[in-house]
Amino acid sequence: MPNITYRSADGEETPIDLKAGTSVMEGAVTNGLDGIVGECGGSLMCATCHVYVAANDVERLPPKSEVEEEMLESAAAEIRPTSRLSCQIKVTDELDGLVVEIPESQY
């Protein structure tokens, strides 16, 4: 199973093994991780699963869709070049070792 590391705004890291095919958001919510809300359940209708992907991992992800770009504009936290909605990051074996940072606030 691919391992995804979630880094909180204060720097605490939580590595979680996730089944391929799930989303980074589902992994956080299922494992009770604070900071990723996923209010819309992953239907790309909110930005409460906003994360910052580690700079060295960005190229491993597919590009953002136009809808994801638009939804990120409503995120509560600062938008950075590495901002993504974690509901749109599907876990694959190739993403083993991915690191995402959770913003300080999703609201």
PDB file of N, CA and C in Angstrom:
ATOM      1  N   MET A   1       0.843  -1.188   0.000  1.00  0.00           N
ATOM      2  CA  MET A   1       0.000   0.000   0.000  1.00  0.00           C
ATOM      3  C   MET A   1       0.884   1.246   0.000  1.00  0.00           C
ATOM      4  N   PRO A   2       0.511   2.223  -0.810  1.00  0.00           N
ATOM      5  CA  PRO A   2       1.276   3.468  -0.836  1.00  0.00           C
ATOM      6  C   PRO A   2       1.178   4.198   0.503  1.00  0.00           C
ATOM      7  N   ASN A   3       2.266   4.834   0.894  1.00  0.00           N
ATOM      8  CA  ASN A   3       2.322   5.585   2.138  1.00  0.00           C
ATOM      9  C   ASN A   3       2.267   7.070   1.811  1.00  0.00           C
ATOM     10  N   ILE A   4       1.323   7.774   2.431  1.00  0.00           N
ATOM     11  CA  ILE A   4       1.163   9.216   2.259  1.00  0.00           C
ATOM     12  C   ILE A   4       1.447   9.863   3.603  1.00  0.00           C
ATOM     13  N   THR A   5       2.257  10.917   3.600  1.00  0.00           N
ATOM     14  CA  THR A   5       2.560  11.639   4.837  1.00  0.00           C
ATOM     15  C   THR A   5       1.783  12.944   4.851  1.00  0.00           C
ATOM     16  N   TYR A   6       1.026  13.134   5.922  1.00  0.00           N
ATOM     17  CA  TYR A   6       0.265  14.351   6.150  1.00  0.00           C
ATOM     18  C   TYR A   6       1.027  15.180   7.174  1.00  0.00           C
ATOM     19  N   ARG A   7       1.347  16.420   6.820  1.00  0.00           N
ATOM     20  CA  ARG A   7       2.068  17.312   7.725  1.00  0.00           C
ATOM     21  C   ARG A   7       1.115  18.411   8.176  1.00  0.00           C
ATOM     22  N   SER A   8       0.931  18.538   9.476  1.00  0.00           N
ATOM     23  CA  SER A   8       0.037  19.572  10.000  1.00  0.00           C
ATOM     24  C   SER A   8       0.719  20.938   9.882  1.00  0.00           C
ATOM     25  N   ALA A   9      -0.048  22.002  10.088  1.00  0.00           N
ATOM     26  CA  ALA A   9       0.483  23.359   9.995  1.00  0.00           C
ATOM     27  C   ALA A   9       1.593  23.594  11.014  1.00  0.00           C
ATOM     28  N   ASP A  10       1.586  22.846  12.121  1.00  0.00           N
ATOM     29  CA  ASP A  10       2.646  23.009  13.130  1.00  0.00           C
ATOM     30  C   ASP A  10       3.826  22.054  12.917  1.00  0.00           C
ATOM     31  N   GLY A  11       3.806  21.316  11.799  1.00  0.00           N
ATOM     32  CA  GLY A  11       4.943  20.476  11.439  1.00  0.00           C
ATOM     33  C   GLY A  11       4.866  19.019  11.839  1.00  0.00           C
ATOM     34  N   GLU A  12       3.829  18.626  12.573  1.00  0.00           N
ATOM     35  CA  GLU A  12       3.700  17.222  12.976  1.00  0.00           C
ATOM     36  C   GLU A  12       3.363  16.368  11.756  1.00  0.00           C
ATOM     37  N   GLU A  13       4.085  15.272  11.599  1.00  0.00           N
ATOM     38  CA  GLU A  13       3.873  14.405  10.443  1.00  0.00           C
ATOM     39  C   GLU A  13       3.172  13.112  10.844  1.00  0.00           C
ATOM     40  N   THR A  14       2.194  12.723  10.021  1.00  0.00           N
ATOM     41  CA  THR A  14       1.459  11.488  10.233  1.00  0.00           C
ATOM     42  C   THR A  14       1.498  10.678   8.944  1.00  0.00           C
ATOM     43  N   PRO A  15       2.304   9.618   8.907  1.00  0.00           N
ATOM     44  CA  PRO A  15       2.318   8.761   7.715  1.00  0.00           C
ATOM     45  C   PRO A  15       1.177   7.747   7.793  1.00  0.00           C
ATOM     46  N   ILE A  16       0.480   7.559   6.680  1.00  0.00           N
ATOM     47  CA  ILE A  16      -0.644   6.623   6.634  1.00  0.00           C
ATOM     48  C   ILE A  16      -0.538   5.785   5.366  1.00  0.00           C
ATOM     49  N   ASP A  17      -0.664   4.471   5.510  1.00  0.00           N
ATOM     50  CA  ASP A  17      -0.726   3.580   4.356  1.00  0.00           C
ATOM     51  C   ASP A  17      -2.151   3.591   3.829  1.00  0.00           C
ATOM     52  N   LEU A  18      -2.295   3.872   2.532  1.00  0.00           N
ATOM     53  CA  LEU A  18      -3.622   3.964   1.925  1.00  0.00           C
ATOM     54  C   LEU A  18      -3.755   2.989   0.771  1.00  0.00           C
ATOM     55  N   LYS A  19      -4.938   2.493   0.614  1.00  0.00           N
ATOM     56  CA  LYS A  19      -5.240   1.601  -0.500  1.00  0.00           C
ATOM     57  C   LYS A  19      -5.254   2.408  -1.800  1.00  0.00           C
ATOM     58  N   ALA A  20      -4.612   1.884  -2.831  1.00  0.00           N
ATOM     59  CA  ALA A  20      -4.625   2.537  -4.135  1.00  0.00           C
ATOM     60  C   ALA A  20      -6.076   2.692  -4.592  1.00  0.00           C
ATOM     61  N   GLY A  21      -6.370   3.841  -5.195  1.00  0.00           N
ATOM     62  CA  GLY A  21      -7.717   4.117  -5.665  1.00  0.00           C
ATOM     63  C   GLY A  21      -8.497   5.031  -4.752  1.00  0.00           C
ATOM     64  N   THR A  22      -8.094   5.130  -3.490  1.00  0.00           N
ATOM     65  CA  THR A  22      -8.752   6.078  -2.592  1.00  0.00           C
ATOM     66  C   THR A  22      -8.146   7.455  -2.837  1.00  0.00           C
ATOM     67  N   SER A  23      -8.769   8.473  -2.306  1.00  0.00           N
ATOM     68  CA  SER A  23      -8.200   9.814  -2.444  1.00  0.00           C
ATOM     69  C   SER A  23      -7.425  10.170  -1.178  1.00  0.00           C
ATOM     70  N   VAL A  24      -6.554  11.142  -1.312  1.00  0.00           N
ATOM     71  CA  VAL A  24      -5.794  11.631  -0.161  1.00  0.00           C
ATOM     72  C   VAL A  24      -6.770  12.176   0.892  1.00  0.00           C
ATOM     73  N   MET A  25      -7.859  12.802   0.459  1.00  0.00           N
ATOM     74  CA  MET A  25      -8.875  13.305   1.387  1.00  0.00           C
ATOM     75  C   MET A  25      -9.543  12.157   2.133  1.00  0.00           C
ATOM     76  N   GLU A  26      -9.947  11.112   1.418  1.00  0.00           N
ATOM     77  CA  GLU A  26     -10.594   9.963   2.062  1.00  0.00           C
ATOM     78  C   GLU A  26      -9.671   9.331   3.098  1.00  0.00           C
ATOM     79  N   GLY A  27      -8.398   9.255   2.777  1.00  0.00           N
ATOM     80  CA  GLY A  27      -7.431   8.686   3.717  1.00  0.00           C
ATOM     81  C   GLY A  27      -7.359   9.475   5.005  1.00  0.00           C
ATOM     82  N   ALA A  28      -7.384  10.789   4.893  1.00  0.00           N
ATOM     83  CA  ALA A  28      -7.328  11.642   6.084  1.00  0.00           C
ATOM     84  C   ALA A  28      -8.601  11.516   6.918  1.00  0.00           C
ATOM     85  N   VAL A  29      -9.747  11.600   6.264  1.00  0.00           N
ATOM     86  CA  VAL A  29     -11.027  11.547   6.973  1.00  0.00           C
ATOM     87  C   VAL A  29     -11.227  10.177   7.628  1.00  0.00           C
ATOM     88  N   THR A  30     -10.958   9.113   6.896  1.00  0.00           N
ATOM     89  CA  THR A  30     -11.129   7.754   7.411  1.00  0.00           C
ATOM     90  C   THR A  30     -10.251   7.490   8.624  1.00  0.00           C
ATOM     91  N   ASN A  31      -9.084   8.106   8.639  1.00  0.00           N
ATOM     92  CA  ASN A  31      -8.140   7.892   9.736  1.00  0.00           C
ATOM     93  C   ASN A  31      -8.233   8.952  10.832  1.00  0.00           C
ATOM     94  N   GLY A  32      -9.272   9.796  10.781  1.00  0.00           N
ATOM     95  CA  GLY A  32      -9.522  10.771  11.837  1.00  0.00           C
ATOM     96  C   GLY A  32      -8.480  11.868  11.944  1.00  0.00           C
ATOM     97  N   LEU A  33      -7.852  12.198  10.846  1.00  0.00           N
ATOM     98  CA  LEU A  33      -6.817  13.223  10.844  1.00  0.00           C
ATOM     99  C   LEU A  33      -7.453  14.610  10.895  1.00  0.00           C
ATOM    100  N   ASP A  34      -7.017  15.434  11.813  1.00  0.00           N
ATOM    101  CA  ASP A  34      -7.543  16.796  11.926  1.00  0.00           C
ATOM    102  C   ASP A  34      -7.044  17.667  10.778  1.00  0.00           C
ATOM    103  N   GLY A  35      -7.884  18.588  10.348  1.00  0.00           N
ATOM    104  CA  GLY A  35      -7.474  19.595   9.386  1.00  0.00           C
ATOM    105  C   GLY A  35      -8.004  19.398   7.984  1.00  0.00           C
ATOM    106  N   ILE A  36      -8.336  18.187   7.611  1.00  0.00           N
ATOM    107  CA  ILE A  36      -8.959  17.941   6.310  1.00  0.00           C
ATOM    108  C   ILE A  36     -10.400  17.541   6.592  1.00  0.00           C
ATOM    109  N   VAL A  37     -11.324  18.410   6.177  1.00  0.00           N
ATOM    110  CA  VAL A  37     -12.732  18.224   6.508  1.00  0.00           C
ATOM    111  C   VAL A  37     -13.445  17.385   5.451  1.00  0.00           C
ATOM    112  N   GLY A  38     -13.267  17.726   4.195  1.00  0.00           N
ATOM    113  CA  GLY A  38     -13.954  16.997   3.127  1.00  0.00           C
ATOM    114  C   GLY A  38     -15.455  17.127   3.239  1.00  0.00           C
ATOM    115  N   GLU A  39     -15.909  18.329   3.495  1.00  0.00           N
ATOM    116  CA  GLU A  39     -17.328  18.596   3.744  1.00  0.00           C
ATOM    117  C   GLU A  39     -18.251  18.075   2.642  1.00  0.00           C
ATOM    118  N   CYS A  40     -17.827  18.142   1.384  1.00  0.00           N
ATOM    119  CA  CYS A  40     -18.690  17.708   0.279  1.00  0.00           C
ATOM    120  C   CYS A  40     -18.493  16.235  -0.065  1.00  0.00           C
ATOM    121  N   GLY A  41     -17.639  15.546   0.682  1.00  0.00           N
ATOM    122  CA  GLY A  41     -17.431  14.121   0.456  1.00  0.00           C
ATOM    123  C   GLY A  41     -16.616  13.800  -0.781  1.00  0.00           C
ATOM    124  N   GLY A  42     -15.944  14.790  -1.314  1.00  0.00           N
ATOM    125  CA  GLY A  42     -15.095  14.545  -2.476  1.00  0.00           C
ATOM    126  C   GLY A  42     -15.752  14.803  -3.815  1.00  0.00           C
ATOM    127  N   SER A  43     -16.859  15.531  -3.808  1.00  0.00           N
ATOM    128  CA  SER A  43     -17.577  15.774  -5.063  1.00  0.00           C
ATOM    129  C   SER A  43     -17.174  17.089  -5.736  1.00  0.00           C
ATOM    130  N   LEU A  44     -16.068  17.681  -5.296  1.00  0.00           N
ATOM    131  CA  LEU A  44     -15.532  18.901  -5.907  1.00  0.00           C
ATOM    132  C   LEU A  44     -16.507  20.069  -5.789  1.00  0.00           C
ATOM    133  N   MET A  45     -17.125  20.174  -4.603  1.00  0.00           N
ATOM    134  CA  MET A  45     -18.102  21.231  -4.367  1.00  0.00           C
ATOM    135  C   MET A  45     -17.683  22.181  -3.243  1.00  0.00           C
ATOM    136  N   CYS A  46     -16.526  21.954  -2.652  1.00  0.00           N
ATOM    137  CA  CYS A  46     -16.038  22.824  -1.590  1.00  0.00           C
ATOM    138  C   CYS A  46     -14.508  22.816  -1.654  1.00  0.00           C
ATOM    139  N   ALA A  47     -13.884  23.497  -0.748  1.00  0.00           N
ATOM    140  CA  ALA A  47     -12.413  23.504  -0.713  1.00  0.00           C
ATOM    141  C   ALA A  47     -11.917  23.166   0.686  1.00  0.00           C
ATOM    142  N   THR A  48     -12.673  22.354   1.411  1.00  0.00           N
ATOM    143  CA  THR A  48     -12.304  22.030   2.791  1.00  0.00           C
ATOM    144  C   THR A  48     -11.344  20.852   2.885  1.00  0.00           C
ATOM    145  N   CYS A  49     -10.762  20.484   1.758  1.00  0.00           N
ATOM    146  CA  CYS A  49      -9.737  19.433   1.749  1.00  0.00           C
ATOM    147  C   CYS A  49      -8.466  19.960   1.095  1.00  0.00           C
ATOM    148  N   HIS A  50      -8.322  21.277   1.098  1.00  0.00           N
ATOM    149  CA  HIS A  50      -7.166  21.962   0.506  1.00  0.00           C
ATOM    150  C   HIS A  50      -5.882  21.499   1.199  1.00  0.00           C
ATOM    151  N   VAL A  51      -4.870  21.187   0.409  1.00  0.00           N
ATOM    152  CA  VAL A  51      -3.545  20.840   0.925  1.00  0.00           C
ATOM    153  C   VAL A  51      -2.479  21.493   0.058  1.00  0.00           C
ATOM    154  N   TYR A  52      -1.271  21.542   0.600  1.00  0.00           N
ATOM    155  CA  TYR A  52      -0.102  21.967  -0.152  1.00  0.00           C
ATOM    156  C   TYR A  52       0.726  20.712  -0.407  1.00  0.00           C
ATOM    157  N   VAL A  53       0.972  20.415  -1.655  1.00  0.00           N
ATOM    158  CA  VAL A  53       1.785  19.257  -2.014  1.00  0.00           C
ATOM    159  C   VAL A  53       3.244  19.665  -1.916  1.00  0.00           C
ATOM    160  N   ALA A  54       4.083  18.795  -1.366  1.00  0.00           N
ATOM    161  CA  ALA A  54       5.512  19.083  -1.284  1.00  0.00           C
ATOM    162  C   ALA A  54       6.030  19.416  -2.680  1.00  0.00           C
ATOM    163  N   ALA A  55       6.870  20.442  -2.769  1.00  0.00           N
ATOM    164  CA  ALA A  55       7.348  20.936  -4.066  1.00  0.00           C
ATOM    165  C   ALA A  55       7.960  19.837  -4.928  1.00  0.00           C
ATOM    166  N   ASN A  56       8.686  18.917  -4.307  1.00  0.00           N
ATOM    167  CA  ASN A  56       9.325  17.852  -5.090  1.00  0.00           C
ATOM    168  C   ASN A  56       8.341  16.760  -5.517  1.00  0.00           C
ATOM    169  N   ASP A  57       7.091  16.838  -5.061  1.00  0.00           N
ATOM    170  CA  ASP A  57       6.076  15.841  -5.430  1.00  0.00           C
ATOM    171  C   ASP A  57       5.085  16.345  -6.470  1.00  0.00           C
ATOM    172  N   VAL A  58       5.061  17.631  -6.732  1.00  0.00           N
ATOM    173  CA  VAL A  58       4.053  18.223  -7.620  1.00  0.00           C
ATOM    174  C   VAL A  58       4.056  17.562  -8.999  1.00  0.00           C
ATOM    175  N   GLU A  59       5.219  17.319  -9.545  1.00  0.00           N
ATOM    176  CA  GLU A  59       5.310  16.748 -10.896  1.00  0.00           C
ATOM    177  C   GLU A  59       4.789  15.317 -10.985  1.00  0.00           C
ATOM    178  N   ARG A  60       4.633  14.650  -9.847  1.00  0.00           N
ATOM    179  CA  ARG A  60       4.115  13.275  -9.850  1.00  0.00           C
ATOM    180  C   ARG A  60       2.599  13.223  -9.980  1.00  0.00           C
ATOM    181  N   LEU A  61       1.952  14.373  -9.824  1.00  0.00           N
ATOM    182  CA  LEU A  61       0.487  14.427  -9.872  1.00  0.00           C
ATOM    183  C   LEU A  61      -0.002  14.843 -11.244  1.00  0.00           C
ATOM    184  N   PRO A  62      -1.206  14.376 -11.620  1.00  0.00           N
ATOM    185  CA  PRO A  62      -1.799  14.886 -12.858  1.00  0.00           C
ATOM    186  C   PRO A  62      -2.113  16.376 -12.682  1.00  0.00           C
ATOM    187  N   PRO A  63      -2.195  17.119 -13.761  1.00  0.00           N
ATOM    188  CA  PRO A  63      -2.508  18.549 -13.645  1.00  0.00           C
ATOM    189  C   PRO A  63      -3.894  18.777 -13.046  1.00  0.00           C
ATOM    190  N   LYS A  64      -4.069  19.956 -12.455  1.00  0.00           N
ATOM    191  CA  LYS A  64      -5.370  20.337 -11.905  1.00  0.00           C
ATOM    192  C   LYS A  64      -6.361  20.538 -13.048  1.00  0.00           C
ATOM    193  N   SER A  65      -7.588  20.130 -12.796  1.00  0.00           N
ATOM    194  CA  SER A  65      -8.648  20.414 -13.768  1.00  0.00           C
ATOM    195  C   SER A  65      -9.065  21.872 -13.613  1.00  0.00           C
ATOM    196  N   GLU A  66      -9.777  22.366 -14.594  1.00  0.00           N
ATOM    197  CA  GLU A  66     -10.291  23.736 -14.535  1.00  0.00           C
ATOM    198  C   GLU A  66     -11.231  23.906 -13.336  1.00  0.00           C
ATOM    199  N   VAL A  67     -12.049  22.896 -13.076  1.00  0.00           N
ATOM    200  CA  VAL A  67     -12.993  22.960 -11.952  1.00  0.00           C
ATOM    201  C   VAL A  67     -12.227  23.001 -10.627  1.00  0.00           C
ATOM    202  N   GLU A  68     -11.171  22.205 -10.499  1.00  0.00           N
ATOM    203  CA  GLU A  68     -10.370  22.234  -9.267  1.00  0.00           C
ATOM    204  C   GLU A  68      -9.741  23.612  -9.082  1.00  0.00           C
ATOM    205  N   GLU A  69      -9.201  24.177 -10.156  1.00  0.00           N
ATOM    206  CA  GLU A  69      -8.614  25.528 -10.100  1.00  0.00           C
ATOM    207  C   GLU A  69      -9.642  26.540  -9.589  1.00  0.00           C
ATOM    208  N   GLU A  70     -10.850  26.475 -10.131  1.00  0.00           N
ATOM    209  CA  GLU A  70     -11.908  27.398  -9.727  1.00  0.00           C
ATOM    210  C   GLU A  70     -12.291  27.202  -8.265  1.00  0.00           C
ATOM    211  N   MET A  71     -12.397  25.945  -7.837  1.00  0.00           N
ATOM    212  CA  MET A  71     -12.789  25.669  -6.457  1.00  0.00           C
ATOM    213  C   MET A  71     -11.705  26.121  -5.473  1.00  0.00           C
ATOM    214  N   LEU A  72     -10.455  25.998  -5.855  1.00  0.00           N
ATOM    215  CA  LEU A  72      -9.368  26.446  -4.979  1.00  0.00           C
ATOM    216  C   LEU A  72      -9.463  27.934  -4.673  1.00  0.00           C
ATOM    217  N   GLU A  73     -10.046  28.697  -5.584  1.00  0.00           N
ATOM    218  CA  GLU A  73     -10.202  30.134  -5.353  1.00  0.00           C
ATOM    219  C   GLU A  73     -11.051  30.434  -4.124  1.00  0.00           C
ATOM    220  N   SER A  74     -11.868  29.478  -3.698  1.00  0.00           N
ATOM    221  CA  SER A  74     -12.715  29.689  -2.518  1.00  0.00           C
ATOM    222  C   SER A  74     -12.100  29.111  -1.244  1.00  0.00           C
ATOM    223  N   ALA A  75     -10.883  28.630  -1.318  1.00  0.00           N
ATOM    224  CA  ALA A  75     -10.226  28.069  -0.125  1.00  0.00           C
ATOM    225  C   ALA A  75      -9.979  29.166   0.903  1.00  0.00           C
ATOM    226  N   ALA A  76     -10.076  28.799   2.167  1.00  0.00           N
ATOM    227  CA  ALA A  76      -9.893  29.760   3.253  1.00  0.00           C
ATOM    228  C   ALA A  76      -8.429  30.144   3.432  1.00  0.00           C
ATOM    229  N   ALA A  77      -7.523  29.209   3.223  1.00  0.00           N
ATOM    230  CA  ALA A  77      -6.103  29.459   3.425  1.00  0.00           C
ATOM    231  C   ALA A  77      -5.470  30.008   2.153  1.00  0.00           C
ATOM    232  N   GLU A  78      -4.292  30.565   2.321  1.00  0.00           N
ATOM    233  CA  GLU A  78      -3.526  31.101   1.191  1.00  0.00           C
ATOM    234  C   GLU A  78      -3.372  30.051   0.088  1.00  0.00           C
ATOM    235  N   ILE A  79      -3.547  30.471  -1.144  1.00  0.00           N
ATOM    236  CA  ILE A  79      -3.343  29.588  -2.290  1.00  0.00           C
ATOM    237  C   ILE A  79      -1.887  29.728  -2.720  1.00  0.00           C
ATOM    238  N   ARG A  80      -1.230  28.595  -2.868  1.00  0.00           N
ATOM    239  CA  ARG A  80       0.167  28.560  -3.295  1.00  0.00           C
ATOM    240  C   ARG A  80       0.248  27.802  -4.615  1.00  0.00           C
ATOM    241  N   PRO A  81       1.380  27.896  -5.303  1.00  0.00           N
ATOM    242  CA  PRO A  81       1.533  27.132  -6.551  1.00  0.00           C
ATOM    243  C   PRO A  81       1.351  25.621  -6.361  1.00  0.00           C
ATOM    244  N   THR A  82       1.581  25.126  -5.140  1.00  0.00           N
ATOM    245  CA  THR A  82       1.457  23.689  -4.868  1.00  0.00           C
ATOM    246  C   THR A  82       0.114  23.316  -4.258  1.00  0.00           C
ATOM    247  N   SER A  83      -0.837  24.253  -4.236  1.00  0.00           N
ATOM    248  CA  SER A  83      -2.167  23.980  -3.673  1.00  0.00           C
ATOM    249  C   SER A  83      -2.929  22.975  -4.518  1.00  0.00           C
ATOM    250  N   ARG A  84      -3.562  22.044  -3.835  1.00  0.00           N
ATOM    251  CA  ARG A  84      -4.429  21.057  -4.496  1.00  0.00           C
ATOM    252  C   ARG A  84      -5.596  20.755  -3.569  1.00  0.00           C
ATOM    253  N   LEU A  85      -6.663  20.214  -4.151  1.00  0.00           N
ATOM    254  CA  LEU A  85      -7.763  19.669  -3.356  1.00  0.00           C
ATOM    255  C   LEU A  85      -7.451  18.189  -3.190  1.00  0.00           C
ATOM    256  N   SER A  86      -7.341  17.754  -1.950  1.00  0.00           N
ATOM    257  CA  SER A  86      -6.909  16.368  -1.707  1.00  0.00           C
ATOM    258  C   SER A  86      -7.937  15.340  -2.184  1.00  0.00           C
ATOM    259  N   CYS A  87      -9.179  15.755  -2.397  1.00  0.00           N
ATOM    260  CA  CYS A  87     -10.181  14.831  -2.941  1.00  0.00           C
ATOM    261  C   CYS A  87      -9.884  14.492  -4.395  1.00  0.00           C
ATOM    262  N   GLN A  88      -9.071  15.310  -5.038  1.00  0.00           N
ATOM    263  CA  GLN A  88      -8.752  15.108  -6.445  1.00  0.00           C
ATOM    264  C   GLN A  88      -7.417  14.385  -6.655  1.00  0.00           C
ATOM    265  N   ILE A  89      -6.771  14.020  -5.565  1.00  0.00           N
ATOM    266  CA  ILE A  89      -5.513  13.273  -5.656  1.00  0.00           C
ATOM    267  C   ILE A  89      -5.816  11.816  -5.362  1.00  0.00           C
ATOM    268  N   LYS A  90      -5.879  11.017  -6.402  1.00  0.00           N
ATOM    269  CA  LYS A  90      -6.132   9.584  -6.254  1.00  0.00           C
ATOM    270  C   LYS A  90      -4.811   8.878  -5.954  1.00  0.00           C
ATOM    271  N   VAL A  91      -4.821   8.068  -4.931  1.00  0.00           N
ATOM    272  CA  VAL A  91      -3.623   7.353  -4.513  1.00  0.00           C
ATOM    273  C   VAL A  91      -3.314   6.231  -5.510  1.00  0.00           C
ATOM    274  N   THR A  92      -2.069   6.200  -5.932  1.00  0.00           N
ATOM    275  CA  THR A  92      -1.564   5.131  -6.794  1.00  0.00           C
ATOM    276  C   THR A  92      -0.249   4.643  -6.205  1.00  0.00           C
ATOM    277  N   ASP A  93       0.218   3.499  -6.649  1.00  0.00           N
ATOM    278  CA  ASP A  93       1.499   2.990  -6.180  1.00  0.00           C
ATOM    279  C   ASP A  93       2.617   3.982  -6.477  1.00  0.00           C
ATOM    280  N   GLU A  94       2.502   4.715  -7.579  1.00  0.00           N
ATOM    281  CA  GLU A  94       3.522   5.690  -7.963  1.00  0.00           C
ATOM    282  C   GLU A  94       3.582   6.877  -7.003  1.00  0.00           C
ATOM    283  N   LEU A  95       2.535   7.081  -6.217  1.00  0.00           N
ATOM    284  CA  LEU A  95       2.524   8.205  -5.266  1.00  0.00           C
ATOM    285  C   LEU A  95       3.041   7.816  -3.886  1.00  0.00           C
ATOM    286  N   ASP A  96       3.572   6.607  -3.753  1.00  0.00           N
ATOM    287  CA  ASP A  96       4.153   6.188  -2.477  1.00  0.00           C
ATOM    288  C   ASP A  96       5.179   7.230  -2.037  1.00  0.00           C
ATOM    289  N   GLY A  97       5.068   7.706  -0.792  1.00  0.00           N
ATOM    290  CA  GLY A  97       5.993   8.702  -0.270  1.00  0.00           C
ATOM    291  C   GLY A  97       5.526  10.138  -0.449  1.00  0.00           C
ATOM    292  N   LEU A  98       4.357  10.343  -1.049  1.00  0.00           N
ATOM    293  CA  LEU A  98       3.815  11.688  -1.234  1.00  0.00           C
ATOM    294  C   LEU A  98       3.677  12.388   0.111  1.00  0.00           C
ATOM    295  N   VAL A  99       4.021  13.674   0.136  1.00  0.00           N
ATOM    296  CA  VAL A  99       3.882  14.488   1.351  1.00  0.00           C
ATOM    297  C   VAL A  99       2.945  15.637   1.041  1.00  0.00           C
ATOM    298  N   VAL A 100       1.924  15.808   1.890  1.00  0.00           N
ATOM    299  CA  VAL A 100       1.006  16.942   1.767  1.00  0.00           C
ATOM    300  C   VAL A 100       0.955  17.680   3.101  1.00  0.00           C
ATOM    301  N   GLU A 101       0.916  19.001   3.013  1.00  0.00           N
ATOM    302  CA  GLU A 101       0.816  19.833   4.211  1.00  0.00           C
ATOM    303  C   GLU A 101      -0.607  20.361   4.324  1.00  0.00           C
ATOM    304  N   ILE A 102      -1.155  20.266   5.506  1.00  0.00           N
ATOM    305  CA  ILE A 102      -2.524  20.707   5.763  1.00  0.00           C
ATOM    306  C   ILE A 102      -2.482  22.176   6.194  1.00  0.00           C
ATOM    307  N   PRO A 103      -3.238  23.054   5.543  1.00  0.00           N
ATOM    308  CA  PRO A 103      -3.265  24.463   5.958  1.00  0.00           C
ATOM    309  C   PRO A 103      -3.765  24.613   7.392  1.00  0.00           C
ATOM    310  N   GLU A 104      -3.464  25.750   7.964  1.00  0.00           N
ATOM    311  CA  GLU A 104      -3.871  26.020   9.343  1.00  0.00           C
ATOM    312  C   GLU A 104      -5.386  26.020   9.503  1.00  0.00           C
ATOM    313  N   SER A 105      -6.113  26.460   8.455  1.00  0.00           N
ATOM    314  CA  SER A 105      -7.570  26.523   8.547  1.00  0.00           C
ATOM    315  C   SER A 105      -8.200  26.171   7.207  1.00  0.00           C
ATOM    316  N   GLN A 106      -9.353  25.510   7.266  1.00  0.00           N
ATOM    317  CA  GLN A 106     -10.108  25.186   6.058  1.00  0.00           C
ATOM    318  C   GLN A 106     -11.370  26.061   5.960  1.00  0.00           C
ATOM    319  N   TYR A 107     -11.641  26.841   6.985  1.00  0.00           N
ATOM    320  CA  TYR A 107     -12.832  27.712   6.991  1.00  0.00           C
ATOM    321  C   TYR A 107     -12.444  29.157   7.075  1.00  0.00           C
TER     322      TYR A 107
END
